[in-house]
Amino acid sequence: MSALRKFLAGWSFRTTTPSLEPGETVSVFVAEYEPETGEGIVFVGDMRLAVANFDPDALGDRVAVRITDFDPDESVGRGEFEGVVEESSYDV
């Protein structure tokens, strides 16, 4: 095995369009809050996830979201807010 091949062993490229399965719980940062719908909005790469029942006090925190629906072709989905995993160290 060449030195370059050894160096690159285990490397892979990340996708900008993650795929999520209903029922899966993910830990994400919520970037926006839409007061008219009560939803938080998450962006991961090209994916957009709307989070129902979001607590606006958790904006900017790492939160747990249970996926309820996801369309991999459009990279959009919906989830339910489950709670704060880690508070942000930044003021939002």
PDB file of N, CA and C in Angstrom:
ATOM      1  N   MET A   1       0.850  -1.170   0.000  1.00  0.00           N
ATOM      2  CA  MET A   1       0.000   0.000   0.000  1.00  0.00           C
ATOM      3  C   MET A   1       0.902   1.241   0.000  1.00  0.00           C
ATOM      4  N   SER A   2       0.592   2.188  -0.866  1.00  0.00           N
ATOM      5  CA  SER A   2       1.401   3.406  -0.971  1.00  0.00           C
ATOM      6  C   SER A   2       1.186   4.309   0.241  1.00  0.00           C
ATOM      7  N   ALA A   3       2.134   5.203   0.458  1.00  0.00           N
ATOM      8  CA  ALA A   3       2.031   6.143   1.576  1.00  0.00           C
ATOM      9  C   ALA A   3       0.795   7.023   1.428  1.00  0.00           C
ATOM     10  N   LEU A   4       0.488   7.457   0.196  1.00  0.00           N
ATOM     11  CA  LEU A   4      -0.697   8.281  -0.034  1.00  0.00           C
ATOM     12  C   LEU A   4      -1.967   7.509   0.281  1.00  0.00           C
ATOM     13  N   ARG A   5      -2.030   6.279  -0.144  1.00  0.00           N
ATOM     14  CA  ARG A   5      -3.217   5.451   0.116  1.00  0.00           C
ATOM     15  C   ARG A   5      -3.390   5.228   1.618  1.00  0.00           C
ATOM     16  N   LYS A   6      -2.295   5.010   2.340  1.00  0.00           N
ATOM     17  CA  LYS A   6      -2.365   4.855   3.798  1.00  0.00           C
ATOM     18  C   LYS A   6      -2.861   6.147   4.449  1.00  0.00           C
ATOM     19  N   PHE A   7      -2.337   7.269   3.957  1.00  0.00           N
ATOM     20  CA  PHE A   7      -2.734   8.565   4.502  1.00  0.00           C
ATOM     21  C   PHE A   7      -4.223   8.824   4.303  1.00  0.00           C
ATOM     22  N   LEU A   8      -4.749   8.443   3.150  1.00  0.00           N
ATOM     23  CA  LEU A   8      -6.155   8.704   2.823  1.00  0.00           C
ATOM     24  C   LEU A   8      -7.107   7.608   3.294  1.00  0.00           C
ATOM     25  N   ALA A   9      -6.593   6.547   3.892  1.00  0.00           N
ATOM     26  CA  ALA A   9      -7.435   5.434   4.350  1.00  0.00           C
ATOM     27  C   ALA A   9      -8.497   5.942   5.326  1.00  0.00           C
ATOM     28  N   GLY A  10      -9.724   5.585   5.071  1.00  0.00           N
ATOM     29  CA  GLY A  10     -10.828   5.958   5.952  1.00  0.00           C
ATOM     30  C   GLY A  10     -11.447   7.309   5.643  1.00  0.00           C
ATOM     31  N   TRP A  11     -10.868   8.051   4.735  1.00  0.00           N
ATOM     32  CA  TRP A  11     -11.432   9.347   4.368  1.00  0.00           C
ATOM     33  C   TRP A  11     -12.631   9.143   3.458  1.00  0.00           C
ATOM     34  N   SER A  12     -13.598  10.024   3.587  1.00  0.00           N
ATOM     35  CA  SER A  12     -14.747  10.005   2.679  1.00  0.00           C
ATOM     36  C   SER A  12     -15.280  11.423   2.571  1.00  0.00           C
ATOM     37  N   PHE A  13     -16.042  11.666   1.539  1.00  0.00           N
ATOM     38  CA  PHE A  13     -16.655  12.980   1.343  1.00  0.00           C
ATOM     39  C   PHE A  13     -18.023  12.988   1.991  1.00  0.00           C
ATOM     40  N   ARG A  14     -18.344  14.129   2.630  1.00  0.00           N
ATOM     41  CA  ARG A  14     -19.671  14.287   3.209  1.00  0.00           C
ATOM     42  C   ARG A  14     -20.604  14.826   2.146  1.00  0.00           C
ATOM     43  N   THR A  15     -21.847  14.461   2.240  1.00  0.00           N
ATOM     44  CA  THR A  15     -22.842  14.971   1.313  1.00  0.00           C
ATOM     45  C   THR A  15     -23.454  16.256   1.860  1.00  0.00           C
ATOM     46  N   THR A  16     -23.909  17.129   0.972  1.00  0.00           N
ATOM     47  CA  THR A  16     -24.608  18.335   1.418  1.00  0.00           C
ATOM     48  C   THR A  16     -26.105  18.096   1.503  1.00  0.00           C
ATOM     49  N   THR A  17     -26.541  16.882   1.182  1.00  0.00           N
ATOM     50  CA  THR A  17     -27.958  16.535   1.252  1.00  0.00           C
ATOM     51  C   THR A  17     -28.131  15.293   2.120  1.00  0.00           C
ATOM     52  N   PRO A  18     -28.101  15.471   3.446  1.00  0.00           N
ATOM     53  CA  PRO A  18     -28.264  14.315   4.327  1.00  0.00           C
ATOM     54  C   PRO A  18     -29.627  13.677   4.160  1.00  0.00           C
ATOM     55  N   SER A  19     -29.716  12.410   4.485  1.00  0.00           N
ATOM     56  CA  SER A  19     -30.979  11.684   4.414  1.00  0.00           C
ATOM     57  C   SER A  19     -31.395  11.303   5.826  1.00  0.00           C
ATOM     58  N   LEU A  20     -32.642  11.538   6.149  1.00  0.00           N
ATOM     59  CA  LEU A  20     -33.172  11.239   7.476  1.00  0.00           C
ATOM     60  C   LEU A  20     -34.359  10.299   7.349  1.00  0.00           C
ATOM     61  N   GLU A  21     -34.561   9.490   8.371  1.00  0.00           N
ATOM     62  CA  GLU A  21     -35.667   8.534   8.384  1.00  0.00           C
ATOM     63  C   GLU A  21     -36.682   8.923   9.458  1.00  0.00           C
ATOM     64  N   PRO A  22     -37.991   8.834   9.158  1.00  0.00           N
ATOM     65  CA  PRO A  22     -39.001   9.096  10.189  1.00  0.00           C
ATOM     66  C   PRO A  22     -38.771   8.200  11.406  1.00  0.00           C
ATOM     67  N   GLY A  23     -38.895   8.793  12.578  1.00  0.00           N
ATOM     68  CA  GLY A  23     -38.664   8.077  13.830  1.00  0.00           C
ATOM     69  C   GLY A  23     -37.253   8.266  14.363  1.00  0.00           C
ATOM     70  N   GLU A  24     -36.322   8.659  13.500  1.00  0.00           N
ATOM     71  CA  GLU A  24     -34.941   8.908  13.894  1.00  0.00           C
ATOM     72  C   GLU A  24     -34.875  10.207  14.698  1.00  0.00           C
ATOM     73  N   THR A  25     -34.030  10.239  15.723  1.00  0.00           N
ATOM     74  CA  THR A  25     -33.814  11.459  16.494  1.00  0.00           C
ATOM     75  C   THR A  25     -32.432  11.991  16.164  1.00  0.00           C
ATOM     76  N   VAL A  26     -32.372  13.275  15.849  1.00  0.00           N
ATOM     77  CA  VAL A  26     -31.108  13.925  15.508  1.00  0.00           C
ATOM     78  C   VAL A  26     -30.851  15.080  16.460  1.00  0.00           C
ATOM     79  N   SER A  27     -29.587  15.404  16.623  1.00  0.00           N
ATOM     80  CA  SER A  27     -29.172  16.527  17.450  1.00  0.00           C
ATOM     81  C   SER A  27     -28.697  17.629  16.505  1.00  0.00           C
ATOM     82  N   VAL A  28     -29.367  18.781  16.537  1.00  0.00           N
ATOM     83  CA  VAL A  28     -29.099  19.862  15.583  1.00  0.00           C
ATOM     84  C   VAL A  28     -29.162  21.219  16.266  1.00  0.00           C
ATOM     85  N   PHE A  29     -28.641  22.234  15.581  1.00  0.00           N
ATOM     86  CA  PHE A  29     -28.773  23.614  16.020  1.00  0.00           C
ATOM     87  C   PHE A  29     -29.896  24.259  15.220  1.00  0.00           C
ATOM     88  N   VAL A  30     -30.803  24.926  15.901  1.00  0.00           N
ATOM     89  CA  VAL A  30     -31.901  25.609  15.228  1.00  0.00           C
ATOM     90  C   VAL A  30     -31.457  27.020  14.899  1.00  0.00           C
ATOM     91  N   ALA A  31     -31.559  27.384  13.611  1.00  0.00           N
ATOM     92  CA  ALA A  31     -31.042  28.661  13.134  1.00  0.00           C
ATOM     93  C   ALA A  31     -32.073  29.778  13.164  1.00  0.00           C
ATOM     94  N   GLU A  32     -33.339  29.431  12.978  1.00  0.00           N
ATOM     95  CA  GLU A  32     -34.378  30.464  12.881  1.00  0.00           C
ATOM     96  C   GLU A  32     -35.625  30.019  13.632  1.00  0.00           C
ATOM     97  N   TYR A  33     -36.442  30.995  13.996  1.00  0.00           N
ATOM     98  CA  TYR A  33     -37.739  30.726  14.615  1.00  0.00           C
ATOM     99  C   TYR A  33     -38.791  31.522  13.870  1.00  0.00           C
ATOM    100  N   GLU A  34     -39.878  30.853  13.500  1.00  0.00           N
ATOM    101  CA  GLU A  34     -40.993  31.509  12.811  1.00  0.00           C
ATOM    102  C   GLU A  34     -42.166  31.617  13.782  1.00  0.00           C
ATOM    103  N   PRO A  35     -42.355  32.803  14.400  1.00  0.00           N
ATOM    104  CA  PRO A  35     -43.394  32.953  15.422  1.00  0.00           C
ATOM    105  C   PRO A  35     -44.804  32.686  14.912  1.00  0.00           C
ATOM    106  N   GLU A  36     -45.075  32.978  13.627  1.00  0.00           N
ATOM    107  CA  GLU A  36     -46.436  32.764  13.116  1.00  0.00           C
ATOM    108  C   GLU A  36     -46.815  31.285  13.051  1.00  0.00           C
ATOM    109  N   THR A  37     -45.828  30.399  12.904  1.00  0.00           N
ATOM    110  CA  THR A  37     -46.120  28.964  12.857  1.00  0.00           C
ATOM    111  C   THR A  37     -45.665  28.238  14.114  1.00  0.00           C
ATOM    112  N   GLY A  38     -44.818  28.899  14.928  1.00  0.00           N
ATOM    113  CA  GLY A  38     -44.275  28.252  16.124  1.00  0.00           C
ATOM    114  C   GLY A  38     -43.225  27.206  15.794  1.00  0.00           C
ATOM    115  N   GLU A  39     -42.639  27.304  14.603  1.00  0.00           N
ATOM    116  CA  GLU A  39     -41.654  26.309  14.166  1.00  0.00           C
ATOM    117  C   GLU A  39     -40.237  26.877  14.203  1.00  0.00           C
ATOM    118  N   GLY A  40     -39.314  26.016  14.549  1.00  0.00           N
ATOM    119  CA  GLY A  40     -37.909  26.320  14.412  1.00  0.00           C
ATOM    120  C   GLY A  40     -37.462  25.818  13.053  1.00  0.00           C
ATOM    121  N   ILE A  41     -36.428  26.435  12.495  1.00  0.00           N
ATOM    122  CA  ILE A  41     -35.929  26.028  11.176  1.00  0.00           C
ATOM    123  C   ILE A  41     -34.466  25.622  11.318  1.00  0.00           C
ATOM    124  N   VAL A  42     -34.153  24.454  10.771  1.00  0.00           N
ATOM    125  CA  VAL A  42     -32.806  23.895  10.801  1.00  0.00           C
ATOM    126  C   VAL A  42     -32.296  23.786   9.373  1.00  0.00           C
ATOM    127  N   PHE A  43     -31.046  24.169   9.165  1.00  0.00           N
ATOM    128  CA  PHE A  43     -30.391  23.991   7.871  1.00  0.00           C
ATOM    129  C   PHE A  43     -29.152  23.133   8.095  1.00  0.00           C
ATOM    130  N   VAL A  44     -29.056  22.026   7.359  1.00  0.00           N
ATOM    131  CA  VAL A  44     -27.868  21.173   7.392  1.00  0.00           C
ATOM    132  C   VAL A  44     -27.476  20.950   5.943  1.00  0.00           C
ATOM    133  N   GLY A  45     -26.402  21.588   5.513  1.00  0.00           N
ATOM    134  CA  GLY A  45     -26.043  21.534   4.103  1.00  0.00           C
ATOM    135  C   GLY A  45     -27.170  22.132   3.286  1.00  0.00           C
ATOM    136  N   ASP A  46     -27.680  21.393   2.307  1.00  0.00           N
ATOM    137  CA  ASP A  46     -28.795  21.854   1.476  1.00  0.00           C
ATOM    138  C   ASP A  46     -30.152  21.450   2.047  1.00  0.00           C
ATOM    139  N   MET A  47     -30.172  20.793   3.189  1.00  0.00           N
ATOM    140  CA  MET A  47     -31.415  20.304   3.783  1.00  0.00           C
ATOM    141  C   MET A  47     -32.068  21.386   4.639  1.00  0.00           C
ATOM    142  N   ARG A  48     -33.404  21.417   4.593  1.00  0.00           N
ATOM    143  CA  ARG A  48     -34.197  22.328   5.440  1.00  0.00           C
ATOM    144  C   ARG A  48     -35.167  21.475   6.237  1.00  0.00           C
ATOM    145  N   LEU A  49     -35.186  21.693   7.547  1.00  0.00           N
ATOM    146  CA  LEU A  49     -36.033  20.922   8.438  1.00  0.00           C
ATOM    147  C   LEU A  49     -36.854  21.877   9.287  1.00  0.00           C
ATOM    148  N   ALA A  50     -38.186  21.744   9.246  1.00  0.00           N
ATOM    149  CA  ALA A  50     -39.085  22.542  10.086  1.00  0.00           C
ATOM    150  C   ALA A  50     -39.353  21.748  11.360  1.00  0.00           C
ATOM    151  N   VAL A  51     -39.207  22.405  12.509  1.00  0.00           N
ATOM    152  CA  VAL A  51     -39.341  21.743  13.805  1.00  0.00           C
ATOM    153  C   VAL A  51     -40.576  22.262  14.526  1.00  0.00           C
ATOM    154  N   ALA A  52     -41.583  21.412  14.667  1.00  0.00           N
ATOM    155  CA  ALA A  52     -42.842  21.775  15.317  1.00  0.00           C
ATOM    156  C   ALA A  52     -42.666  21.834  16.835  1.00  0.00           C
ATOM    157  N   ASN A  53     -43.554  22.591  17.477  1.00  0.00           N
ATOM    158  CA  ASN A  53     -43.591  22.730  18.941  1.00  0.00           C
ATOM    159  C   ASN A  53     -42.257  23.218  19.494  1.00  0.00           C
ATOM    160  N   PHE A  54     -41.579  24.070  18.740  1.00  0.00           N
ATOM    161  CA  PHE A  54     -40.260  24.538  19.145  1.00  0.00           C
ATOM    162  C   PHE A  54     -40.357  25.607  20.221  1.00  0.00           C
ATOM    163  N   ASP A  55     -39.496  25.521  21.223  1.00  0.00           N
ATOM    164  CA  ASP A  55     -39.403  26.519  22.281  1.00  0.00           C
ATOM    165  C   ASP A  55     -38.454  27.621  21.810  1.00  0.00           C
ATOM    166  N   PRO A  56     -38.943  28.838  21.553  1.00  0.00           N
ATOM    167  CA  PRO A  56     -38.073  29.895  21.032  1.00  0.00           C
ATOM    168  C   PRO A  56     -36.906  30.241  21.946  1.00  0.00           C
ATOM    169  N   ASP A  57     -36.993  29.913  23.234  1.00  0.00           N
ATOM    170  CA  ASP A  57     -35.876  30.145  24.150  1.00  0.00           C
ATOM    171  C   ASP A  57     -34.682  29.244  23.825  1.00  0.00           C
ATOM    172  N   ALA A  58     -34.911  28.194  23.027  1.00  0.00           N
ATOM    173  CA  ALA A  58     -33.845  27.255  22.662  1.00  0.00           C
ATOM    174  C   ALA A  58     -33.168  27.623  21.343  1.00  0.00           C
ATOM    175  N   LEU A  59     -33.512  28.781  20.773  1.00  0.00           N
ATOM    176  CA  LEU A  59     -32.901  29.214  19.519  1.00  0.00           C
ATOM    177  C   LEU A  59     -31.387  29.326  19.693  1.00  0.00           C
ATOM    178  N   GLY A  60     -30.643  28.665  18.841  1.00  0.00           N
ATOM    179  CA  GLY A  60     -29.190  28.665  18.913  1.00  0.00           C
ATOM    180  C   GLY A  60     -28.614  27.533  19.746  1.00  0.00           C
ATOM    181  N   ASP A  61     -29.460  26.831  20.492  1.00  0.00           N
ATOM    182  CA  ASP A  61     -29.007  25.689  21.294  1.00  0.00           C
ATOM    183  C   ASP A  61     -28.972  24.425  20.437  1.00  0.00           C
ATOM    184  N   ARG A  62     -28.222  23.429  20.901  1.00  0.00           N
ATOM    185  CA  ARG A  62     -28.285  22.105  20.268  1.00  0.00           C
ATOM    186  C   ARG A  62     -29.517  21.411  20.853  1.00  0.00           C
ATOM    187  N   VAL A  63     -30.404  20.962  19.987  1.00  0.00           N
ATOM    188  CA  VAL A  63     -31.651  20.356  20.442  1.00  0.00           C
ATOM    189  C   VAL A  63     -31.849  18.977  19.815  1.00  0.00           C
ATOM    190  N   ALA A  64     -32.655  18.177  20.475  1.00  0.00           N
ATOM    191  CA  ALA A  64     -33.032  16.868  19.940  1.00  0.00           C
ATOM    192  C   ALA A  64     -34.334  17.032  19.163  1.00  0.00           C
ATOM    193  N   VAL A  65     -34.357  16.486  17.946  1.00  0.00           N
ATOM    194  CA  VAL A  65     -35.532  16.562  17.081  1.00  0.00           C
ATOM    195  C   VAL A  65     -35.841  15.161  16.568  1.00  0.00           C
ATOM    196  N   ARG A  66     -37.086  14.736  16.760  1.00  0.00           N
ATOM    197  CA  ARG A  66     -37.534  13.441  16.223  1.00  0.00           C
ATOM    198  C   ARG A  66     -38.124  13.697  14.840  1.00  0.00           C
ATOM    199  N   ILE A  67     -37.576  13.050  13.831  1.00  0.00           N
ATOM    200  CA  ILE A  67     -38.010  13.237  12.447  1.00  0.00           C
ATOM    201  C   ILE A  67     -39.379  12.597  12.253  1.00  0.00           C
ATOM    202  N   THR A  68     -40.317  13.364  11.684  1.00  0.00           N
ATOM    203  CA  THR A  68     -41.659  12.841  11.410  1.00  0.00           C
ATOM    204  C   THR A  68     -41.893  12.631   9.923  1.00  0.00           C
ATOM    205  N   ASP A  69     -41.186  13.393   9.084  1.00  0.00           N
ATOM    206  CA  ASP A  69     -41.360  13.283   7.633  1.00  0.00           C
ATOM    207  C   ASP A  69     -40.106  13.818   6.958  1.00  0.00           C
ATOM    208  N   PHE A  70     -39.662  13.143   5.890  1.00  0.00           N
ATOM    209  CA  PHE A  70     -38.497  13.633   5.159  1.00  0.00           C
ATOM    210  C   PHE A  70     -38.590  13.220   3.701  1.00  0.00           C
ATOM    211  N   ASP A  71     -38.366  14.187   2.807  1.00  0.00           N
ATOM    212  CA  ASP A  71     -38.345  13.938   1.365  1.00  0.00           C
ATOM    213  C   ASP A  71     -36.903  14.075   0.883  1.00  0.00           C
ATOM    214  N   PRO A  72     -36.221  12.949   0.614  1.00  0.00           N
ATOM    215  CA  PRO A  72     -34.816  13.024   0.210  1.00  0.00           C
ATOM    216  C   PRO A  72     -34.613  13.676  -1.155  1.00  0.00           C
ATOM    217  N   ASP A  73     -35.608  13.624  -2.019  1.00  0.00           N
ATOM    218  CA  ASP A  73     -35.476  14.243  -3.344  1.00  0.00           C
ATOM    219  C   ASP A  73     -35.452  15.764  -3.250  1.00  0.00           C
ATOM    220  N   GLU A  74     -36.216  16.314  -2.321  1.00  0.00           N
ATOM    221  CA  GLU A  74     -36.289  17.766  -2.143  1.00  0.00           C
ATOM    222  C   GLU A  74     -35.400  18.258  -0.993  1.00  0.00           C
ATOM    223  N   SER A  75     -34.883  17.327  -0.193  1.00  0.00           N
ATOM    224  CA  SER A  75     -34.065  17.651   0.990  1.00  0.00           C
ATOM    225  C   SER A  75     -34.806  18.559   1.964  1.00  0.00           C
ATOM    226  N   VAL A  76     -36.069  18.253   2.188  1.00  0.00           N
ATOM    227  CA  VAL A  76     -36.876  18.980   3.167  1.00  0.00           C
ATOM    228  C   VAL A  76     -37.569  17.979   4.072  1.00  0.00           C
ATOM    229  N   GLY A  77     -37.829  18.410   5.295  1.00  0.00           N
ATOM    230  CA  GLY A  77     -38.504  17.507   6.215  1.00  0.00           C
ATOM    231  C   GLY A  77     -39.130  18.256   7.369  1.00  0.00           C
ATOM    232  N   ARG A  78     -39.739  17.456   8.249  1.00  0.00           N
ATOM    233  CA  ARG A  78     -40.394  17.983   9.436  1.00  0.00           C
ATOM    234  C   ARG A  78     -39.982  17.126  10.616  1.00  0.00           C
ATOM    235  N   GLY A  79     -39.995  17.746  11.785  1.00  0.00           N
ATOM    236  CA  GLY A  79     -39.663  17.022  12.999  1.00  0.00           C
ATOM    237  C   GLY A  79     -40.364  17.633  14.194  1.00  0.00           C
ATOM    238  N   GLU A  80     -40.268  16.954  15.318  1.00  0.00           N
ATOM    239  CA  GLU A  80     -40.864  17.400  16.574  1.00  0.00           C
ATOM    240  C   GLU A  80     -39.753  17.711  17.569  1.00  0.00           C
ATOM    241  N   PHE A  81     -39.849  18.878  18.196  1.00  0.00           N
ATOM    242  CA  PHE A  81     -38.900  19.292  19.220  1.00  0.00           C
ATOM    243  C   PHE A  81     -39.016  18.365  20.420  1.00  0.00           C
ATOM    244  N   GLU A  82     -37.880  17.794  20.865  1.00  0.00           N
ATOM    245  CA  GLU A  82     -37.890  16.914  22.031  1.00  0.00           C
ATOM    246  C   GLU A  82     -37.212  17.521  23.246  1.00  0.00           C
ATOM    247  N   GLY A  83     -36.360  18.516  23.045  1.00  0.00           N
ATOM    248  CA  GLY A  83     -35.714  19.162  24.181  1.00  0.00           C
ATOM    249  C   GLY A  83     -34.311  19.636  23.867  1.00  0.00           C
ATOM    250  N   VAL A  84     -33.773  20.403  24.784  1.00  0.00           N
ATOM    251  CA  VAL A  84     -32.423  20.956  24.639  1.00  0.00           C
ATOM    252  C   VAL A  84     -31.413  19.895  25.036  1.00  0.00           C
ATOM    253  N   VAL A  85     -30.403  19.706  24.195  1.00  0.00           N
ATOM    254  CA  VAL A  85     -29.308  18.789  24.470  1.00  0.00           C
ATOM    255  C   VAL A  85     -28.158  19.547  25.115  1.00  0.00           C
ATOM    256  N   GLU A  86     -27.874  20.746  24.581  1.00  0.00           N
ATOM    257  CA  GLU A  86     -26.775  21.554  25.087  1.00  0.00           C
ATOM    258  C   GLU A  86     -27.084  23.019  24.823  1.00  0.00           C
ATOM    259  N   GLU A  87     -26.943  23.843  25.844  1.00  0.00           N
ATOM    260  CA  GLU A  87     -27.204  25.268  25.663  1.00  0.00           C
ATOM    261  C   GLU A  87     -26.070  25.922  24.898  1.00  0.00           C
ATOM    262  N   SER A  88     -26.417  26.946  24.147  1.00  0.00           N
ATOM    263  CA  SER A  88     -25.444  27.693  23.341  1.00  0.00           C
ATOM    264  C   SER A  88     -24.551  28.525  24.248  1.00  0.00           C
ATOM    265  N   SER A  89     -23.303  28.675  23.837  1.00  0.00           N
ATOM    266  CA  SER A  89     -22.401  29.554  24.580  1.00  0.00           C
ATOM    267  C   SER A  89     -22.416  30.957  23.983  1.00  0.00           C
ATOM    268  N   TYR A  90     -23.239  31.157  22.948  1.00  0.00           N
ATOM    269  CA  TYR A  90     -23.379  32.451  22.298  1.00  0.00           C
ATOM    270  C   TYR A  90     -24.706  33.084  22.677  1.00  0.00           C
ATOM    271  N   ASP A  91     -24.734  34.400  22.746  1.00  0.00           N
ATOM    272  CA  ASP A  91     -25.997  35.110  22.939  1.00  0.00           C
ATOM    273  C   ASP A  91     -26.674  35.239  21.601  1.00  0.00           C
ATOM    274  N   VAL A  92     -27.930  34.830  21.520  1.00  0.00           N
ATOM    275  CA  VAL A  92     -28.682  34.913  20.264  1.00  0.00           C
ATOM    276  C   VAL A  92     -29.674  36.030  20.348  1.00  0.00           C
TER     277      VAL A  92
END
